C-alpha atoms as a PDB file:
ATOM      1  CA  MET A   1     -25.704  65.561  76.774  1.00  0.00           C
ATOM      2  CA  THR A   2     -22.018  65.233  75.972  1.00  0.00           C
ATOM      3  CA  ALA A   3     -18.916  66.531  77.720  1.00  0.00           C
ATOM      4  CA  VAL A   4     -17.908  70.108  76.906  1.00  0.00           C
ATOM      5  CA  PRO A   5     -14.184  70.665  76.215  1.00  0.00           C
ATOM      6  CA  LEU A   6     -12.612  72.488  79.151  1.00  0.00           C
ATOM      7  CA  THR A   7     -10.406  75.365  78.008  1.00  0.00           C
ATOM      8  CA  ASP A   8     -10.146  77.171  81.346  1.00  0.00           C
ATOM      9  CA  ILE A   9     -11.239  76.398  84.884  1.00  0.00           C
ATOM     10  CA  GLU A  10     -13.875  79.118  85.203  1.00  0.00           C
ATOM     11  CA  PRO A  11     -16.710  76.542  85.114  1.00  0.00           C
ATOM     12  CA  LEU A  12     -15.111  74.835  88.138  1.00  0.00           C
ATOM     13  CA  ARG A  13     -14.403  77.896  90.280  1.00  0.00           C
ATOM     14  CA  SER A  14     -17.687  77.709  92.159  1.00  0.00           C
ATOM     15  CA  LEU A  15     -16.712  74.242  93.408  1.00  0.00           C
ATOM     16  CA  LEU A  16     -13.294  75.439  94.560  1.00  0.00           C
ATOM     17  CA  ALA A  17     -14.964  77.821  96.990  1.00  0.00           C
ATOM     18  CA  ILE A  18     -16.778  74.935  98.705  1.00  0.00           C
ATOM     19  CA  LYS A  19     -14.482  73.256 101.216  1.00  0.00           C
ATOM     20  CA  PRO A  20     -13.378  70.584 101.759  1.00  0.00           C
ATOM     21  CA  LEU A  21     -12.755  69.930  98.063  1.00  0.00           C
ATOM     22  CA  GLY A  22     -12.396  66.365  96.836  1.00  0.00           C
ATOM     23  CA  LEU A  23     -10.342  65.416  93.781  1.00  0.00           C
ATOM     24  CA  PHE A  24     -11.382  61.887  92.783  1.00  0.00           C
ATOM     25  CA  SER A  25      -9.512  60.278  89.903  1.00  0.00           C
ATOM     26  CA  ASP A  26      -9.000  57.072  87.989  1.00  0.00           C
ATOM     27  CA  ILE A  27      -5.334  56.139  87.407  1.00  0.00           C
ATOM     28  CA  ASP A  28      -4.718  54.311  84.094  1.00  0.00           C
ATOM     29  CA  GLY A  29      -5.366  56.563  81.097  1.00  0.00           C
ATOM     30  CA  THR A  30      -6.029  59.523  83.406  1.00  0.00           C
ATOM     31  CA  LEU A  31      -2.987  60.124  85.615  1.00  0.00           C
ATOM     32  CA  SER A  32      -0.882  57.472  83.881  1.00  0.00           C
ATOM     33  CA  PRO A  33      -0.541  56.986  80.115  1.00  0.00           C
ATOM     34  CA  ILE A  34      -1.840  53.695  78.722  1.00  0.00           C
ATOM     35  CA  VAL A  35       1.125  51.447  77.885  1.00  0.00           C
ATOM     36  CA  ASP A  36       1.506  48.080  76.156  1.00  0.00           C
ATOM     37  CA  ARG A  37       2.539  46.292  79.350  1.00  0.00           C
ATOM     38  CA  PRO A  38       0.186  47.145  82.259  1.00  0.00           C
ATOM     39  CA  GLU A  39       2.948  46.478  84.780  1.00  0.00           C
ATOM     40  CA  ASP A  40       4.996  49.335  83.283  1.00  0.00           C
ATOM     41  CA  ALA A  41       2.357  52.028  83.907  1.00  0.00           C
ATOM     42  CA  ARG A  42       3.115  54.823  86.375  1.00  0.00           C
ATOM     43  CA  VAL A  43       1.484  58.095  87.360  1.00  0.00           C
ATOM     44  CA  THR A  44       3.434  60.849  85.618  1.00  0.00           C
ATOM     45  CA  PRO A  45       5.840  62.822  87.827  1.00  0.00           C
ATOM     46  CA  ARG A  46       3.964  66.017  86.926  1.00  0.00           C
ATOM     47  CA  CYS A  47       0.619  64.571  88.036  1.00  0.00           C
ATOM     48  CA  ARG A  48       2.177  63.260  91.248  1.00  0.00           C
ATOM     49  CA  ASP A  49       3.766  66.606  92.116  1.00  0.00           C
ATOM     50  CA  LEU A  50       0.550  68.511  91.434  1.00  0.00           C
ATOM     51  CA  LEU A  51      -1.560  66.090  93.467  1.00  0.00           C
ATOM     52  CA  LEU A  52       0.888  66.480  96.358  1.00  0.00           C
ATOM     53  CA  GLU A  53       0.516  70.240  96.050  1.00  0.00           C
ATOM     54  CA  LEU A  54      -3.272  69.956  96.099  1.00  0.00           C
ATOM     55  CA  ILE A  55      -3.122  67.701  99.166  1.00  0.00           C
ATOM     56  CA  GLY A  56      -0.836  70.219 100.854  1.00  0.00           C
ATOM     57  CA  ASN A  57      -3.419  72.929 100.266  1.00  0.00           C
ATOM     58  CA  GLY A  58      -6.272  70.972 101.809  1.00  0.00           C
ATOM     59  CA  ALA A  59      -7.759  69.043  98.871  1.00  0.00           C
ATOM     60  CA  ARG A  60      -8.789  65.492  99.669  1.00  0.00           C
ATOM     61  CA  VAL A  61      -7.425  63.318  96.886  1.00  0.00           C
ATOM     62  CA  ALA A  62      -8.821  59.838  96.252  1.00  0.00           C
ATOM     63  CA  LEU A  63      -7.623  57.461  93.531  1.00  0.00           C
ATOM     64  CA  ILE A  64     -10.303  55.018  92.368  1.00  0.00           C
ATOM     65  CA  THR A  65      -9.020  52.187  90.204  1.00  0.00           C
ATOM     66  CA  GLY A  66      -9.443  48.630  89.000  1.00  0.00           C
ATOM     67  CA  ARG A  67      -5.862  47.886  90.035  1.00  0.00           C
ATOM     68  CA  GLU A  68      -5.059  45.948  93.178  1.00  0.00           C
ATOM     69  CA  LEU A  69      -4.321  48.109  96.202  1.00  0.00           C
ATOM     70  CA  ASP A  70      -0.575  47.474  96.449  1.00  0.00           C
ATOM     71  CA  VAL A  71      -0.164  48.073  92.717  1.00  0.00           C
ATOM     72  CA  ALA A  72      -2.207  51.291  92.798  1.00  0.00           C
ATOM     73  CA  ARG A  73      -0.207  52.698  95.705  1.00  0.00           C
ATOM     74  CA  SER A  74       3.064  51.807  93.986  1.00  0.00           C
ATOM     75  CA  MET A  75       1.959  53.404  90.694  1.00  0.00           C
ATOM     76  CA  ALA A  76       0.933  56.664  92.362  1.00  0.00           C
ATOM     77  CA  GLY A  77       3.404  57.015  95.222  1.00  0.00           C
ATOM     78  CA  LEU A  78       1.004  59.238  97.159  1.00  0.00           C
ATOM     79  CA  ASP A  79       0.762  58.327 100.828  1.00  0.00           C
ATOM     80  CA  GLY A  80      -1.426  61.372 101.466  1.00  0.00           C
ATOM     81  CA  ALA A  81      -4.172  60.139  99.150  1.00  0.00           C
ATOM     82  CA  ALA A  82      -7.019  57.726  99.810  1.00  0.00           C
ATOM     83  CA  TYR A  83      -7.400  54.736  97.497  1.00  0.00           C
ATOM     84  CA  ALA A  84     -10.266  52.549  96.338  1.00  0.00           C
ATOM     85  CA  ALA A  85      -8.798  49.551  94.534  1.00  0.00           C
ATOM     86  CA  SER A  86     -10.134  46.516  92.660  1.00  0.00           C
ATOM     87  CA  HIS A  87     -13.244  48.451  91.592  1.00  0.00           C
ATOM     88  CA  GLY A  88     -14.229  49.273  95.159  1.00  0.00           C
ATOM     89  CA  LEU A  89     -13.356  46.002  96.884  1.00  0.00           C
ATOM     90  CA  ASP A  90     -10.357  47.317  98.845  1.00  0.00           C
ATOM     91  CA  PHE A  91      -9.675  50.720 100.423  1.00  0.00           C
ATOM     92  CA  TRP A  92      -6.766  52.628 101.901  1.00  0.00           C
ATOM     93  CA  ILE A  93      -8.068  55.452 104.080  1.00  0.00           C
ATOM     94  CA  ASP A  94      -6.136  57.434 106.699  1.00  0.00           C
ATOM     95  CA  GLY A  95      -3.164  55.092 106.428  1.00  0.00           C
ATOM     96  CA  ALA A  96      -5.144  51.904 107.035  1.00  0.00           C
ATOM     97  CA  ILE A  97      -6.328  49.078 104.776  1.00  0.00           C
ATOM     98  CA  GLU A  98     -10.034  48.338 104.689  1.00  0.00           C
ATOM     99  CA  MET A  99     -11.406  45.350 102.807  1.00  0.00           C
ATOM    100  CA  ARG A 100     -14.873  44.126 102.034  1.00  0.00           C
ATOM    101  CA  ALA A 101     -15.649  40.818 103.747  1.00  0.00           C
ATOM    102  CA  ALA A 102     -18.231  39.536 101.253  1.00  0.00           C
ATOM    103  CA  LEU A 103     -15.882  37.951  98.684  1.00  0.00           C
ATOM    104  CA  GLY A 104     -16.579  34.387  99.811  1.00  0.00           C
ATOM    105  CA  GLY A 105     -14.743  31.844  97.682  1.00  0.00           C
ATOM    106  CA  TYR A 106     -13.849  34.112  94.757  1.00  0.00           C
ATOM    107  CA  PRO A 107     -10.062  33.670  95.070  1.00  0.00           C
ATOM    108  CA  VAL A 108     -10.578  29.894  94.840  1.00  0.00           C
ATOM    109  CA  LEU A 109     -12.861  30.362  91.831  1.00  0.00           C
ATOM    110  CA  VAL A 110     -10.152  32.435  90.124  1.00  0.00           C
ATOM    111  CA  ASP A 111      -7.629  29.631  90.697  1.00  0.00           C
ATOM    112  CA  ARG A 112     -10.038  27.115  89.203  1.00  0.00           C
ATOM    113  CA  MET A 113     -10.879  29.301  86.216  1.00  0.00           C
ATOM    114  CA  LEU A 114      -7.226  29.906  85.364  1.00  0.00           C
ATOM    115  CA  ARG A 115      -6.514  26.172  85.581  1.00  0.00           C
ATOM    116  CA  GLU A 116      -9.419  25.427  83.240  1.00  0.00           C
ATOM    117  CA  ILE A 117      -8.391  28.094  80.726  1.00  0.00           C
ATOM    118  CA  GLY A 118      -4.753  27.003  80.896  1.00  0.00           C
ATOM    119  CA  ASN A 119      -2.191  28.651  78.642  1.00  0.00           C
ATOM    120  CA  LEU A 120      -4.237  30.967  76.454  1.00  0.00           C
ATOM    121  CA  ALA A 121      -2.594  30.565  73.051  1.00  0.00           C
ATOM    122  CA  VAL A 122      -3.825  33.831  71.567  1.00  0.00           C
ATOM    123  CA  PRO A 123      -1.038  36.069  70.183  1.00  0.00           C
ATOM    124  CA  GLY A 124      -0.762  39.391  72.000  1.00  0.00           C
ATOM    125  CA  VAL A 125      -3.049  38.468  74.917  1.00  0.00           C
ATOM    126  CA  THR A 126      -1.784  38.583  78.493  1.00  0.00           C
ATOM    127  CA  ILE A 127      -3.660  37.467  81.584  1.00  0.00           C
ATOM    128  CA  GLU A 128      -3.427  39.525  84.765  1.00  0.00           C
ATOM    129  CA  ARG A 129      -4.676  38.062  88.012  1.00  0.00           C
ATOM    130  CA  LYS A 130      -6.231  40.836  90.101  1.00  0.00           C
ATOM    131  CA  GLY A 131      -6.823  39.274  93.504  1.00  0.00           C
ATOM    132  CA  SER A 132     -10.400  38.055  93.256  1.00  0.00           C
ATOM    133  CA  GLY A 133     -10.678  38.800  89.535  1.00  0.00           C
ATOM    134  CA  VAL A 134      -8.924  38.408  86.198  1.00  0.00           C
ATOM    135  CA  ALA A 135      -8.080  40.792  83.354  1.00  0.00           C
ATOM    136  CA  PHE A 136      -7.390  39.716  79.774  1.00  0.00           C
ATOM    137  CA  HIS A 137      -5.327  42.399  78.004  1.00  0.00           C
ATOM    138  CA  TYR A 138      -5.136  42.464  74.207  1.00  0.00           C
ATOM    139  CA  ARG A 139      -3.493  45.833  73.495  1.00  0.00           C
ATOM    140  CA  ARG A 140      -0.378  44.106  72.170  1.00  0.00           C
ATOM    141  CA  ALA A 141      -2.314  41.942  69.688  1.00  0.00           C
ATOM    142  CA  ALA A 142      -1.709  42.578  66.003  1.00  0.00           C
ATOM    143  CA  ASP A 143      -5.274  41.443  65.263  1.00  0.00           C
ATOM    144  CA  GLU A 144      -7.400  42.893  68.051  1.00  0.00           C
ATOM    145  CA  ALA A 145     -10.663  41.395  66.794  1.00  0.00           C
ATOM    146  CA  ALA A 146      -9.152  37.910  66.702  1.00  0.00           C
ATOM    147  CA  ALA A 147      -7.641  38.403  70.141  1.00  0.00           C
ATOM    148  CA  HIS A 148     -10.957  39.577  71.576  1.00  0.00           C
ATOM    149  CA  GLY A 149     -12.658  36.563  70.026  1.00  0.00           C
ATOM    150  CA  GLY A 150     -10.072  34.257  71.569  1.00  0.00           C
ATOM    151  CA  ILE A 151     -10.674  35.783  74.984  1.00  0.00           C
ATOM    152  CA  GLU A 152     -14.430  35.337  74.576  1.00  0.00           C
ATOM    153  CA  ARG A 153     -14.019  31.669  73.669  1.00  0.00           C
ATOM    154  CA  ALA A 154     -11.734  31.097  76.653  1.00  0.00           C
ATOM    155  CA  ILE A 155     -14.249  32.673  79.016  1.00  0.00           C
ATOM    156  CA  GLU A 156     -17.092  30.640  77.535  1.00  0.00           C
ATOM    157  CA  SER A 157     -15.065  27.444  77.906  1.00  0.00           C
ATOM    158  CA  THR A 158     -15.175  27.545  81.703  1.00  0.00           C
ATOM    159  CA  GLU A 159     -18.356  27.240  83.724  1.00  0.00           C
ATOM    160  CA  VAL A 160     -16.705  29.147  86.568  1.00  0.00           C
ATOM    161  CA  ALA A 161     -16.843  32.412  84.587  1.00  0.00           C
ATOM    162  CA  ARG A 162     -20.604  32.670  85.121  1.00  0.00           C
ATOM    163  CA  HIS A 163     -19.933  33.562  88.767  1.00  0.00           C
ATOM    164  CA  PHE A 164     -18.172  36.757  87.683  1.00  0.00           C
ATOM    165  CA  GLU A 165     -19.270  40.068  86.216  1.00  0.00           C
ATOM    166  CA  ARG A 166     -17.761  40.749  82.794  1.00  0.00           C
ATOM    167  CA  ILE A 167     -16.512  44.273  82.027  1.00  0.00           C
ATOM    168  CA  GLU A 168     -15.147  45.702  78.787  1.00  0.00           C
ATOM    169  CA  GLY A 169     -12.423  48.349  79.111  1.00  0.00           C
ATOM    170  CA  ARG A 170      -9.756  49.896  76.909  1.00  0.00           C
ATOM    171  CA  LYS A 171      -8.297  46.820  75.129  1.00  0.00           C
ATOM    172  CA  VAL A 172      -9.110  44.683  78.150  1.00  0.00           C
ATOM    173  CA  VAL A 173     -11.830  42.263  79.233  1.00  0.00           C
ATOM    174  CA  GLU A 174     -12.192  41.902  82.998  1.00  0.00           C
ATOM    175  CA  LEU A 175     -13.976  39.345  85.132  1.00  0.00           C
ATOM    176  CA  ARG A 176     -14.613  40.671  88.614  1.00  0.00           C
ATOM    177  CA  PRO A 177     -16.599  39.342  91.591  1.00  0.00           C
ATOM    178  CA  ASN A 178     -20.328  39.629  91.108  1.00  0.00           C
ATOM    179  CA  VAL A 179     -20.878  41.669  94.254  1.00  0.00           C
ATOM    180  CA  GLU A 180     -22.278  45.135  94.860  1.00  0.00           C
ATOM    181  CA  ALA A 181     -19.041  47.028  94.347  1.00  0.00           C
ATOM    182  CA  ASN A 182     -17.806  49.260  91.538  1.00  0.00           C
ATOM    183  CA  LYS A 183     -16.160  52.635  91.125  1.00  0.00           C
ATOM    184  CA  GLY A 184     -19.505  54.267  91.843  1.00  0.00           C
ATOM    185  CA  THR A 185     -20.013  52.623  95.221  1.00  0.00           C
ATOM    186  CA  ALA A 186     -16.366  53.392  95.991  1.00  0.00           C
ATOM    187  CA  ALA A 187     -16.753  57.092  95.165  1.00  0.00           C
ATOM    188  CA  ARG A 188     -19.853  57.392  97.326  1.00  0.00           C
ATOM    189  CA  ARG A 189     -18.134  55.722 100.269  1.00  0.00           C
ATOM    190  CA  LEU A 190     -15.048  57.899  99.926  1.00  0.00           C
ATOM    191  CA  ALA A 191     -17.088  61.095  99.630  1.00  0.00           C
ATOM    192  CA  HIS A 192     -18.691  60.470 102.996  1.00  0.00           C
ATOM    193  CA  ARG A 193     -15.607  59.065 104.696  1.00  0.00           C
ATOM    194  CA  LEU A 194     -13.452  62.008 103.603  1.00  0.00           C
ATOM    195  CA  GLY A 195     -16.137  64.545 104.475  1.00  0.00           C
ATOM    196  CA  VAL A 196     -15.921  66.468 101.200  1.00  0.00           C
ATOM    197  CA  ARG A 197     -18.500  69.092 100.225  1.00  0.00           C
ATOM    198  CA  SER A 198     -17.472  69.405  96.577  1.00  0.00           C
ATOM    199  CA  ILE A 199     -15.854  66.969  94.127  1.00  0.00           C
ATOM    200  CA  ILE A 200     -14.039  67.162  90.797  1.00  0.00           C
ATOM    201  CA  CYS A 201     -13.956  63.683  89.299  1.00  0.00           C
ATOM    202  CA  LEU A 202     -11.641  62.474  86.490  1.00  0.00           C
ATOM    203  CA  GLY A 203     -11.797  59.321  84.359  1.00  0.00           C
ATOM    204  CA  ASP A 204     -11.323  57.934  80.860  1.00  0.00           C
ATOM    205  CA  ASP A 205     -12.950  54.501  80.598  1.00  0.00           C
ATOM    206  CA  ARG A 206     -16.349  52.821  80.715  1.00  0.00           C
ATOM    207  CA  THR A 207     -15.780  51.654  84.293  1.00  0.00           C
ATOM    208  CA  ASP A 208     -15.556  55.337  85.232  1.00  0.00           C
ATOM    209  CA  VAL A 209     -19.160  55.918  84.133  1.00  0.00           C
ATOM    210  CA  ASP A 210     -20.357  54.371  87.413  1.00  0.00           C
ATOM    211  CA  MET A 211     -18.111  56.826  89.253  1.00  0.00           C
ATOM    212  CA  PHE A 212     -19.399  59.834  87.303  1.00  0.00           C
ATOM    213  CA  GLN A 213     -23.030  58.852  87.839  1.00  0.00           C
ATOM    214  CA  SER A 214     -22.586  58.125  91.530  1.00  0.00           C
ATOM    215  CA  VAL A 215     -20.745  61.375  92.138  1.00  0.00           C
ATOM    216  CA  GLY A 216     -23.431  63.293  90.257  1.00  0.00           C
ATOM    217  CA  ALA A 217     -26.110  61.781  92.507  1.00  0.00           C
ATOM    218  CA  LEU A 218     -24.332  63.208  95.576  1.00  0.00           C
ATOM    219  CA  ALA A 219     -26.110  66.491  94.858  1.00  0.00           C
ATOM    220  CA  GLN A 220     -28.957  64.940  96.871  1.00  0.00           C
ATOM    221  CA  ASP A 221     -26.611  65.042  99.859  1.00  0.00           C
ATOM    222  CA  GLY A 222     -25.674  68.663  99.240  1.00  0.00           C
ATOM    223  CA  ILE A 223     -22.315  67.846  97.633  1.00  0.00           C
ATOM    224  CA  GLU A 224     -21.541  69.862  94.496  1.00  0.00           C
ATOM    225  CA  THR A 225     -19.730  67.887  91.793  1.00  0.00           C
ATOM    226  CA  ARG A 226     -18.382  68.027  88.249  1.00  0.00           C
ATOM    227  CA  SER A 227     -16.997  65.145  86.184  1.00  0.00           C
ATOM    228  CA  VAL A 228     -14.242  65.450  83.577  1.00  0.00           C
ATOM    229  CA  ALA A 229     -13.686  62.857  80.846  1.00  0.00           C
ATOM    230  CA  VAL A 230     -10.113  62.301  79.677  1.00  0.00           C
ATOM    231  CA  MET A 231     -10.142  62.102  75.884  1.00  0.00           C
ATOM    232  CA  SER A 232      -8.414  59.462  73.765  1.00  0.00           C
ATOM    233  CA  ALA A 233      -8.951  57.834  70.403  1.00  0.00           C
ATOM    234  CA  GLU A 234     -10.456  54.881  72.300  1.00  0.00           C
ATOM    235  CA  ILE A 235     -12.950  56.752  74.463  1.00  0.00           C
ATOM    236  CA  HIS A 236     -16.419  55.217  74.584  1.00  0.00           C
ATOM    237  CA  PRO A 237     -19.425  57.493  73.941  1.00  0.00           C
ATOM    238  CA  ASP A 238     -20.883  56.494  77.320  1.00  0.00           C
ATOM    239  CA  VAL A 239     -17.971  58.209  79.064  1.00  0.00           C
ATOM    240  CA  LEU A 240     -18.576  61.477  77.249  1.00  0.00           C
ATOM    241  CA  ALA A 241     -22.312  61.242  77.868  1.00  0.00           C
ATOM    242  CA  ALA A 242     -21.769  60.839  81.627  1.00  0.00           C
ATOM    243  CA  ALA A 243     -19.210  63.648  82.028  1.00  0.00           C
ATOM    244  CA  ASP A 244     -19.743  67.396  82.288  1.00  0.00           C
ATOM    245  CA  TYR A 245     -16.437  68.414  80.713  1.00  0.00           C
ATOM    246  CA  SER A 246     -13.467  66.890  78.890  1.00  0.00           C
ATOM    247  CA  VAL A 247      -9.714  67.408  78.628  1.00  0.00           C
ATOM    248  CA  ASP A 248      -7.279  66.014  76.064  1.00  0.00           C
ATOM    249  CA  GLY A 249      -5.401  63.003  77.407  1.00  0.00           C
ATOM    250  CA  VAL A 250      -3.036  62.778  80.361  1.00  0.00           C
ATOM    251  CA  GLY A 251      -1.447  66.041  79.221  1.00  0.00           C
ATOM    252  CA  GLY A 252      -4.838  67.707  79.601  1.00  0.00           C
ATOM    253  CA  VAL A 253      -5.105  66.287  83.120  1.00  0.00           C
ATOM    254  CA  GLU A 254      -1.691  67.748  83.975  1.00  0.00           C
ATOM    255  CA  TRP A 255      -2.882  71.141  82.692  1.00  0.00           C
ATOM    256  CA  LEU A 256      -6.084  70.915  84.743  1.00  0.00           C
ATOM    257  CA  LEU A 257      -4.292  69.873  87.932  1.00  0.00           C
ATOM    258  CA  ALA A 258      -1.839  72.752  87.506  1.00  0.00           C
ATOM    259  CA  GLU A 259      -4.704  75.233  87.133  1.00  0.00           C
ATOM    260  CA  LEU A 260      -6.470  73.802  90.175  1.00  0.00           C
ATOM    261  CA  ALA A 261      -3.262  73.902  92.221  1.00  0.00           C
ATOM    262  CA  VAL A 262      -2.856  77.610  91.465  1.00  0.00           C
ATOM    263  CA  ALA A 263      -6.508  78.310  92.227  1.00  0.00           C
ATOM    264  CA  VAL A 264      -6.505  76.646  95.668  1.00  0.00           C
ATOM    265  CA  THR A 265      -3.142  78.035  96.802  1.00  0.00           C
ATOM    266  CA  PRO A 266      -3.727  80.656  99.499  1.00  0.00           C
ATOM    267  CA  THR A 267      -2.595  84.128  98.528  1.00  0.00           C
ATOM    268  CA  ALA A 268      -0.159  85.995 100.753  1.00  0.00           C
ATOM    269  CA  GLY A 269      -1.649  88.613 103.022  1.00  0.00           C
END
């Protein structure tokens, strides 16, 4: 199965009638365009306004991301949303921070790994510390294959890396704690904590496959769901295989959110 291009929201209308509705979304590449410098990324004003409108009309919005919690909240600027950050390690729900306690010595391991790797002399590669994990970005590299190879050699040079799970994303290699947490476990937790009975789920990257699959399995709990892949030239086939529908880039997400906002707005009288 592969995602079907979404040209109108008719296939989603049955979900909109089941309340409370959840709108679960990734951030980077979905609500925020991918940029050369990760620190420059922001949710588009249009997406933010439409999500606020959906929240105001009763939708329960949750942003599920690999970013750290403070960064995710700053990027989105949505106090009315719930957040699952660092691939499901940290949560912001009902105005309060919730963290998993099972991270052990991972922050210390990150310190040690970065010391052992040292200054990574690979043109176009930047290292982003993400709390208890690390991301190696190579989007700015002129030779992406060489940059990826340099990252691989750096990871292999440190014994500490074996304690981490390795994830490939869009021009990024991430090492995250090897614990039972990902966007899928985060989506399941948020679905039950927010009390939703239907979910529309948006994502663009391989880490979102866990989210799509987990949300789809919520049918066993009586929660109706649909997943929407956000297309790009870099999209991995696994993302399309896991999604029900697709839209074209962040602009397509803005179109979809606008249609949903109209559909859930109560009519006068």
